[in-house]
């Protein structure tokens, strides 16, 4: 793994809207409709949340990229006991089990 990642856009995550699209959305007014000021205030908060989410996604993608760049690939740890130690333990078990070492 070389750490190379493609920075994805919100659309690539399946997010349909962005802050600008929400901001530019125009709703027609109708008789006995919603209070336009209340809708605008609510949409303003949604826009702020979207901007925060987009910033967070970008930050996390950059941190992931940096973490992968800085990751150290370590070689596998060598076995604790070497072959001579293993053979000695086998001989001791043979003596214990059969009274003498084989071979």
Protein backbone atom coordinates (compact mmCIF):
# COMPACT_ATOMS: atom_id res chain seq x y z
CA UNK A 1 0.00 0.00 0.00
CA UNK A 2 1.61 3.24 -1.07
CA UNK A 3 -0.80 5.55 0.72
CA UNK A 4 -2.21 7.09 -2.46
CA UNK A 5 -5.90 7.77 -2.12
CA UNK A 6 -8.32 9.66 -4.29
CA UNK A 7 -9.99 12.51 -2.46
CA UNK A 8 -13.70 11.95 -2.99
CA UNK A 9 -16.26 14.66 -3.48
CA UNK A 10 -19.50 14.67 -1.48
CA UNK A 11 -21.38 13.65 -4.67
CA UNK A 12 -19.19 10.53 -4.88
CA UNK A 13 -20.42 9.61 -1.38
CA UNK A 14 -24.01 9.82 -2.64
CA UNK A 15 -24.70 13.24 -1.08
CA UNK A 16 -27.21 14.91 -3.36
CA UNK A 17 -26.92 18.53 -2.18
CA UNK A 18 -24.20 20.90 -1.15
CA UNK A 19 -24.36 24.13 0.81
CA UNK A 20 -24.50 26.31 -2.30
CA UNK A 21 -27.34 24.30 -3.86
CA UNK A 22 -29.36 24.58 -0.65
CA UNK A 23 -28.65 28.30 -0.47
CA UNK A 24 -29.73 28.90 -4.06
CA UNK A 25 -32.93 26.84 -3.83
CA UNK A 26 -35.96 29.05 -4.40
CA UNK A 27 -39.36 28.03 -3.08
CA UNK A 28 -42.48 29.59 -4.57
CA UNK A 29 -44.83 31.21 -2.10
CA UNK A 30 -48.39 30.01 -1.89
CA UNK A 31 -51.42 31.13 0.02
CA UNK A 32 -51.32 29.73 3.55
CA UNK A 33 -47.85 28.37 2.93
CA UNK A 34 -44.92 28.26 5.30
CA UNK A 35 -43.41 31.38 6.82
CA UNK A 36 -40.62 32.27 4.37
CA UNK A 37 -38.41 33.75 7.09
CA UNK A 38 -38.69 30.59 9.19
CA UNK A 39 -37.83 28.40 6.19
CA UNK A 40 -34.86 30.65 5.35
CA UNK A 41 -33.56 30.46 8.92
CA UNK A 42 -33.88 26.70 8.94
CA UNK A 43 -32.14 26.37 5.57
CA UNK A 44 -29.36 28.69 6.80
CA UNK A 45 -28.68 26.25 9.63
CA UNK A 46 -28.70 23.31 7.21
CA UNK A 47 -26.23 25.16 4.98
CA UNK A 48 -23.90 25.72 7.95
CA UNK A 49 -24.12 22.03 8.81
CA UNK A 50 -23.35 21.00 5.22
CA UNK A 51 -20.35 23.33 5.13
CA UNK A 52 -19.11 21.83 8.40
CA UNK A 53 -19.62 18.28 7.10
CA UNK A 54 -17.77 19.08 3.86
CA UNK A 55 -14.88 20.61 5.81
CA UNK A 56 -14.77 17.59 8.13
CA UNK A 57 -14.78 15.13 5.23
CA UNK A 58 -11.93 17.02 3.55
CA UNK A 59 -9.94 17.15 6.80
CA UNK A 60 -10.42 13.43 7.48
CA UNK A 61 -9.45 12.48 3.93
CA UNK A 62 -6.26 14.57 4.22
CA UNK A 63 -5.45 13.03 7.61
CA UNK A 64 -5.98 9.54 6.19
CA UNK A 65 -3.70 10.34 3.27
CA UNK A 66 -1.00 11.68 5.63
CA UNK A 67 -1.33 8.68 7.95
CA UNK A 68 -0.86 6.33 5.01
CA UNK A 69 2.15 8.34 3.82
CA UNK A 70 3.73 8.18 7.28
CA UNK A 71 2.91 4.53 7.96
CA UNK A 72 5.95 2.40 8.57
CA UNK A 73 5.87 -1.09 7.15
CA UNK A 74 7.71 -3.30 9.59
CA UNK A 75 9.12 -6.69 8.67
CA UNK A 76 7.52 -9.66 10.40
CA UNK A 77 8.90 -10.36 13.83
CA UNK A 78 11.41 -13.20 13.90
CA UNK A 79 10.44 -16.30 15.89
CA UNK A 80 11.49 -16.15 19.51
CA UNK A 81 13.28 -19.48 19.55
CA UNK A 82 15.75 -20.49 16.90
CA UNK A 83 16.04 -23.96 15.39
CA UNK A 84 18.74 -25.14 17.83
CA UNK A 85 16.57 -24.28 20.82
CA UNK A 86 13.62 -26.14 19.31
CA UNK A 87 15.74 -29.24 18.62
CA UNK A 88 17.05 -29.19 22.20
CA UNK A 89 13.51 -29.04 23.56
CA UNK A 90 12.51 -31.98 21.34
CA UNK A 91 15.44 -34.04 22.67
CA UNK A 92 14.44 -33.25 26.24
CA UNK A 93 10.86 -34.33 25.52
CA UNK A 94 12.08 -37.56 23.92
CA UNK A 95 14.17 -38.33 27.00
CA UNK A 96 11.21 -37.55 29.21
CA UNK A 97 8.78 -39.68 27.17
CA UNK A 98 10.97 -42.62 26.10
CA UNK A 99 13.93 -42.46 28.42
CA UNK A 100 16.36 -41.63 25.63
CA UNK A 101 16.80 -39.31 22.70
CA UNK A 102 16.01 -40.74 19.28
CA UNK A 103 18.26 -40.48 16.25
